[in-house]
């Protein structure tokens, strides 16, 4: 059995930005440490600097906020504030916005 620690040291960081056409505020920079990437399963650690952008999910994602504060707002206008210790699942079909108020770090598991 192989056990992989879920820490930034376990993977090479990938730095990206959201598609500029989706950005609504700020200049968010994302850093992702993908620890597992195979067979439609992805997991690792993600971090974003402040900003706001439109999101649309086709996959399942489990998230646990490690640090920082963000607001996820659905197309229906319902906002969920998340911070350290909060865990949640984003289901396929979710559309709305992700706003990072304070640099946010989360661990995640995505299943396509």
N, C-alpha and C. Protein backbone atom coordinates (compact mmCIF):
# COMPACT_ATOMS: atom_id res chain seq x y z
N UNK A 1 0.85 -1.16 0.00
CA UNK A 1 0.00 0.00 0.00
C UNK A 1 0.90 1.24 0.00
N UNK A 2 0.53 2.21 -0.83
CA UNK A 2 1.27 3.46 -0.87
C UNK A 2 0.41 4.56 -0.26
N UNK A 3 0.95 5.27 0.69
CA UNK A 3 0.26 6.38 1.32
C UNK A 3 1.02 7.65 0.95
N UNK A 4 0.29 8.61 0.38
CA UNK A 4 0.90 9.86 -0.06
C UNK A 4 0.41 10.97 0.86
N UNK A 5 1.32 11.71 1.47
CA UNK A 5 0.89 12.81 2.33
C UNK A 5 0.27 13.93 1.50
N UNK A 6 -0.76 14.55 2.03
CA UNK A 6 -1.43 15.64 1.33
C UNK A 6 -0.85 16.95 1.83
N UNK A 7 0.36 17.25 1.33
CA UNK A 7 1.07 18.48 1.70
C UNK A 7 1.67 19.08 0.43
N UNK A 8 1.94 20.37 0.43
CA UNK A 8 2.58 20.98 -0.75
C UNK A 8 3.91 20.31 -1.11
N UNK A 9 4.61 19.74 -0.12
CA UNK A 9 5.88 19.08 -0.41
C UNK A 9 5.71 17.81 -1.24
N UNK A 10 4.48 17.30 -1.34
CA UNK A 10 4.22 16.05 -2.07
C UNK A 10 4.08 16.25 -3.58
N UNK A 11 4.07 17.50 -4.05
CA UNK A 11 3.84 17.75 -5.48
C UNK A 11 4.50 19.06 -5.90
N UNK A 12 4.69 19.19 -7.20
CA UNK A 12 5.23 20.42 -7.77
C UNK A 12 4.09 21.42 -7.93
N UNK A 13 4.26 22.65 -7.48
CA UNK A 13 3.17 23.63 -7.60
C UNK A 13 2.94 24.05 -9.05
N UNK A 14 1.67 24.25 -9.37
CA UNK A 14 1.26 24.76 -10.68
C UNK A 14 0.56 26.10 -10.42
N UNK A 15 1.05 27.17 -11.04
CA UNK A 15 0.49 28.50 -10.82
C UNK A 15 -0.32 28.90 -12.05
N UNK A 16 -1.58 29.28 -11.81
CA UNK A 16 -2.49 29.67 -12.90
C UNK A 16 -3.33 30.86 -12.45
N UNK A 17 -4.11 31.36 -13.38
CA UNK A 17 -5.11 32.39 -13.10
C UNK A 17 -6.41 31.93 -13.76
N UNK A 18 -7.55 32.38 -13.24
CA UNK A 18 -8.81 32.06 -13.91
C UNK A 18 -8.83 32.70 -15.30
N UNK A 19 -9.64 32.15 -16.18
CA UNK A 19 -9.85 32.73 -17.50
C UNK A 19 -10.23 34.20 -17.31
N UNK A 20 -9.53 35.13 -17.97
CA UNK A 20 -9.81 36.56 -17.77
C UNK A 20 -11.27 36.95 -18.04
N UNK A 21 -11.96 36.21 -18.91
CA UNK A 21 -13.36 36.54 -19.19
C UNK A 21 -14.28 36.18 -18.02
N UNK A 22 -13.77 35.39 -17.06
CA UNK A 22 -14.57 34.99 -15.90
C UNK A 22 -14.28 35.83 -14.66
N UNK A 23 -13.20 36.59 -14.68
CA UNK A 23 -12.81 37.38 -13.51
C UNK A 23 -13.73 38.59 -13.36
N UNK A 24 -14.28 38.75 -12.16
CA UNK A 24 -15.18 39.86 -11.87
C UNK A 24 -14.52 40.93 -11.00
N UNK A 25 -13.48 40.54 -10.25
CA UNK A 25 -12.79 41.50 -9.39
C UNK A 25 -11.40 40.99 -9.06
N UNK A 26 -10.46 41.91 -8.91
CA UNK A 26 -9.11 41.56 -8.49
C UNK A 26 -8.31 40.86 -9.58
N UNK A 27 -7.21 40.27 -9.15
CA UNK A 27 -6.31 39.52 -10.03
C UNK A 27 -5.90 38.24 -9.30
N UNK A 28 -6.86 37.31 -9.13
CA UNK A 28 -6.57 36.11 -8.34
C UNK A 28 -5.50 35.23 -9.00
N UNK A 29 -4.59 34.75 -8.17
CA UNK A 29 -3.55 33.83 -8.61
C UNK A 29 -3.78 32.52 -7.86
N UNK A 30 -3.85 31.42 -8.61
CA UNK A 30 -4.08 30.10 -8.01
C UNK A 30 -2.79 29.30 -8.02
N UNK A 31 -2.51 28.65 -6.92
CA UNK A 31 -1.41 27.70 -6.85
C UNK A 31 -2.02 26.36 -6.46
N UNK A 32 -1.72 25.34 -7.25
CA UNK A 32 -2.29 24.01 -7.03
C UNK A 32 -1.16 22.99 -6.91
N UNK A 33 -1.26 22.17 -5.87
CA UNK A 33 -0.36 21.05 -5.70
C UNK A 33 -1.19 19.80 -5.91
N UNK A 34 -1.18 19.23 -7.13
CA UNK A 34 -1.94 18.02 -7.44
C UNK A 34 -1.16 16.81 -6.94
N UNK A 35 -1.69 16.16 -5.92
CA UNK A 35 -1.03 15.00 -5.34
C UNK A 35 -1.44 13.72 -6.07
N UNK A 36 -2.66 13.67 -6.56
CA UNK A 36 -3.17 12.50 -7.28
C UNK A 36 -3.92 12.98 -8.51
N UNK A 37 -3.67 12.35 -9.64
CA UNK A 37 -4.29 12.74 -10.91
C UNK A 37 -4.36 11.51 -11.80
N UNK A 38 -5.44 10.71 -11.62
CA UNK A 38 -5.58 9.52 -12.46
C UNK A 38 -7.00 8.97 -12.38
N UNK A 39 -7.39 8.36 -13.46
CA UNK A 39 -8.68 7.66 -13.53
C UNK A 39 -9.86 8.55 -13.11
N UNK A 40 -9.80 9.84 -13.44
CA UNK A 40 -10.90 10.74 -13.12
C UNK A 40 -10.95 11.18 -11.67
N UNK A 41 -9.87 10.91 -10.93
CA UNK A 41 -9.79 11.31 -9.53
C UNK A 41 -8.61 12.27 -9.38
N UNK A 42 -8.87 13.40 -8.75
CA UNK A 42 -7.85 14.41 -8.53
C UNK A 42 -7.91 14.83 -7.08
N UNK A 43 -6.77 14.98 -6.44
CA UNK A 43 -6.76 15.52 -5.08
C UNK A 43 -5.46 16.25 -4.83
N UNK A 44 -5.53 17.17 -3.91
CA UNK A 44 -4.35 17.95 -3.59
C UNK A 44 -4.71 19.15 -2.75
N UNK A 45 -3.89 20.18 -2.88
CA UNK A 45 -4.08 21.42 -2.15
C UNK A 45 -4.14 22.55 -3.17
N UNK A 46 -5.05 23.48 -2.95
CA UNK A 46 -5.25 24.64 -3.83
C UNK A 46 -5.22 25.88 -2.98
N UNK A 47 -4.63 26.93 -3.53
CA UNK A 47 -4.59 28.21 -2.84
C UNK A 47 -4.89 29.32 -3.83
N UNK A 48 -5.61 30.34 -3.39
CA UNK A 48 -5.90 31.49 -4.24
C UNK A 48 -5.73 32.78 -3.46
N UNK A 49 -5.19 33.78 -4.16
CA UNK A 49 -5.12 35.12 -3.62
C UNK A 49 -6.48 35.78 -3.85
N UNK A 50 -6.76 36.91 -3.20
CA UNK A 50 -8.07 37.55 -3.32
C UNK A 50 -8.48 37.90 -4.75
N UNK A 51 -9.79 37.79 -4.97
CA UNK A 51 -10.41 38.10 -6.25
C UNK A 51 -11.76 37.40 -6.32
N UNK A 52 -12.46 37.63 -7.41
CA UNK A 52 -13.78 37.02 -7.61
C UNK A 52 -13.91 36.62 -9.07
N UNK A 53 -14.44 35.40 -9.32
CA UNK A 53 -14.59 34.91 -10.68
C UNK A 53 -15.81 33.99 -10.77
N UNK A 54 -16.31 33.85 -11.98
CA UNK A 54 -17.45 32.96 -12.23
C UNK A 54 -16.96 31.51 -12.26
N UNK A 55 -17.79 30.60 -11.71
CA UNK A 55 -17.46 29.17 -11.71
C UNK A 55 -18.64 28.38 -12.24
N UNK A 56 -18.33 27.23 -12.81
CA UNK A 56 -19.34 26.30 -13.32
C UNK A 56 -18.75 24.89 -13.19
N UNK A 57 -19.41 24.05 -12.44
CA UNK A 57 -18.88 22.71 -12.14
C UNK A 57 -19.57 21.63 -12.96
N UNK A 58 -18.76 20.76 -13.57
CA UNK A 58 -19.24 19.55 -14.25
C UNK A 58 -18.89 18.31 -13.43
N UNK A 59 -18.15 18.50 -12.36
CA UNK A 59 -17.64 17.39 -11.56
C UNK A 59 -18.06 17.56 -10.11
N UNK A 60 -17.83 16.50 -9.32
CA UNK A 60 -18.02 16.54 -7.87
C UNK A 60 -16.74 17.04 -7.25
N UNK A 61 -16.84 17.91 -6.24
CA UNK A 61 -15.64 18.32 -5.52
C UNK A 61 -15.94 18.41 -4.03
N UNK A 62 -15.12 17.72 -3.26
CA UNK A 62 -15.12 17.84 -1.80
C UNK A 62 -14.00 18.82 -1.45
N UNK A 63 -14.28 19.78 -0.58
CA UNK A 63 -13.30 20.78 -0.16
C UNK A 63 -13.29 20.88 1.37
N UNK A 64 -12.10 21.15 1.90
CA UNK A 64 -11.96 21.50 3.31
C UNK A 64 -11.05 22.73 3.36
N UNK A 65 -11.56 23.81 3.91
CA UNK A 65 -10.80 25.05 3.98
C UNK A 65 -9.77 24.93 5.11
N UNK A 66 -8.51 25.15 4.75
CA UNK A 66 -7.42 25.09 5.72
C UNK A 66 -7.12 26.46 6.32
N UNK A 67 -7.22 27.50 5.47
CA UNK A 67 -6.97 28.86 5.96
C UNK A 67 -7.63 29.85 5.01
N UNK A 68 -7.86 31.05 5.51
CA UNK A 68 -8.44 32.11 4.69
C UNK A 68 -9.96 32.13 4.74
N UNK A 69 -10.52 33.07 3.97
CA UNK A 69 -11.98 33.24 3.93
C UNK A 69 -12.42 33.46 2.49
N UNK A 70 -13.50 32.78 2.12
CA UNK A 70 -14.08 32.89 0.78
C UNK A 70 -15.59 32.90 0.88
N UNK A 71 -16.23 33.32 -0.22
CA UNK A 71 -17.68 33.28 -0.34
C UNK A 71 -18.01 32.61 -1.67
N UNK A 72 -18.82 31.55 -1.60
CA UNK A 72 -19.35 30.92 -2.81
C UNK A 72 -20.80 31.35 -2.93
N UNK A 73 -21.16 31.88 -4.09
CA UNK A 73 -22.52 32.35 -4.31
C UNK A 73 -23.09 31.64 -5.52
N UNK A 74 -24.23 30.98 -5.34
CA UNK A 74 -24.89 30.28 -6.43
C UNK A 74 -25.62 31.23 -7.36
N UNK A 75 -26.00 30.73 -8.51
CA UNK A 75 -26.74 31.54 -9.49
C UNK A 75 -28.05 32.04 -8.90
N UNK A 76 -28.56 31.34 -7.87
CA UNK A 76 -29.80 31.76 -7.21
C UNK A 76 -29.59 32.89 -6.21
N UNK A 77 -28.31 33.31 -6.01
CA UNK A 77 -28.00 34.39 -5.10
C UNK A 77 -27.67 33.95 -3.68
N UNK A 78 -27.85 32.65 -3.37
CA UNK A 78 -27.54 32.15 -2.03
C UNK A 78 -26.02 32.13 -1.84
N UNK A 79 -25.54 32.81 -0.78
CA UNK A 79 -24.10 32.90 -0.51
C UNK A 79 -23.73 32.02 0.68
N UNK A 80 -22.61 31.34 0.55
CA UNK A 80 -22.08 30.55 1.66
C UNK A 80 -20.68 31.05 1.97
N UNK A 81 -20.50 31.55 3.19
CA UNK A 81 -19.19 32.01 3.65
C UNK A 81 -18.46 30.80 4.22
N UNK A 82 -17.20 30.63 3.82
CA UNK A 82 -16.42 29.49 4.30
C UNK A 82 -15.08 29.98 4.85
N UNK A 83 -14.61 29.26 5.86
CA UNK A 83 -13.35 29.60 6.50
C UNK A 83 -12.70 28.35 7.07
N UNK A 84 -11.63 28.53 7.81
CA UNK A 84 -10.86 27.40 8.32
C UNK A 84 -11.74 26.37 9.04
N UNK A 85 -11.57 25.10 8.64
CA UNK A 85 -12.32 24.00 9.24
C UNK A 85 -13.60 23.65 8.53
N UNK A 86 -14.10 24.53 7.65
CA UNK A 86 -15.34 24.23 6.93
C UNK A 86 -15.08 23.20 5.84
N UNK A 87 -15.98 22.23 5.74
CA UNK A 87 -15.95 21.21 4.69
C UNK A 87 -17.26 21.25 3.93
N UNK A 88 -17.20 21.00 2.63
CA UNK A 88 -18.42 21.03 1.82
C UNK A 88 -18.20 20.29 0.51
N UNK A 89 -19.30 19.97 -0.15
CA UNK A 89 -19.28 19.31 -1.46
C UNK A 89 -19.93 20.24 -2.47
N UNK A 90 -19.27 20.41 -3.60
CA UNK A 90 -19.85 21.15 -4.72
C UNK A 90 -20.29 20.10 -5.73
N UNK A 91 -21.56 20.12 -6.09
CA UNK A 91 -22.10 19.11 -7.00
C UNK A 91 -22.02 19.57 -8.45
N UNK A 92 -22.00 18.60 -9.37
CA UNK A 92 -22.04 18.97 -10.79
C UNK A 92 -23.27 19.83 -11.07
N UNK A 93 -23.10 20.83 -11.92
CA UNK A 93 -24.20 21.73 -12.24
C UNK A 93 -24.19 23.02 -11.45
N UNK A 94 -23.35 23.09 -10.40
CA UNK A 94 -23.29 24.32 -9.61
C UNK A 94 -22.67 25.43 -10.45
N UNK A 95 -23.35 26.55 -10.53
CA UNK A 95 -22.85 27.74 -11.23
C UNK A 95 -22.99 28.93 -10.29
N UNK A 96 -22.06 29.83 -10.39
CA UNK A 96 -22.10 31.02 -9.55
C UNK A 96 -20.76 31.70 -9.54
N UNK A 97 -20.35 32.16 -8.35
CA UNK A 97 -19.07 32.84 -8.22
C UNK A 97 -18.32 32.30 -7.00
N UNK A 98 -16.99 32.42 -7.10
CA UNK A 98 -16.11 32.14 -5.96
C UNK A 98 -15.39 33.44 -5.70
N UNK A 99 -15.52 33.97 -4.47
CA UNK A 99 -14.84 35.19 -4.10
C UNK A 99 -13.90 34.90 -2.94
N UNK A 100 -12.62 35.14 -3.14
CA UNK A 100 -11.63 34.98 -2.08
C UNK A 100 -11.47 36.34 -1.40
N UNK A 101 -11.85 36.38 -0.12
CA UNK A 101 -11.73 37.61 0.67
C UNK A 101 -10.34 37.73 1.29
N UNK A 102 -9.83 36.60 1.79
CA UNK A 102 -8.48 36.48 2.34
C UNK A 102 -7.86 35.27 1.65
N UNK A 103 -6.59 35.35 1.29
CA UNK A 103 -5.94 34.22 0.62
C UNK A 103 -6.43 32.93 1.25
N UNK A 104 -6.97 32.06 0.42
CA UNK A 104 -7.62 30.83 0.87
C UNK A 104 -6.85 29.61 0.41
N UNK A 105 -6.67 28.67 1.33
CA UNK A 105 -6.05 27.38 1.03
C UNK A 105 -7.04 26.30 1.39
N UNK A 106 -7.20 25.34 0.48
CA UNK A 106 -8.12 24.22 0.74
C UNK A 106 -7.46 22.93 0.30
N UNK A 107 -7.87 21.83 0.91
CA UNK A 107 -7.55 20.55 0.30
C UNK A 107 -8.81 20.10 -0.42
N UNK A 108 -8.64 19.29 -1.43
CA UNK A 108 -9.78 18.94 -2.28
C UNK A 108 -9.65 17.53 -2.84
N UNK A 109 -10.80 16.97 -3.17
CA UNK A 109 -10.89 15.72 -3.93
C UNK A 109 -11.93 15.96 -5.01
N UNK A 110 -11.54 15.75 -6.25
CA UNK A 110 -12.45 15.93 -7.40
C UNK A 110 -12.66 14.57 -8.06
N UNK A 111 -13.92 14.29 -8.37
CA UNK A 111 -14.27 13.06 -9.09
C UNK A 111 -15.05 13.44 -10.32
N UNK A 112 -14.55 13.06 -11.48
CA UNK A 112 -15.23 13.36 -12.74
C UNK A 112 -16.37 12.38 -12.97
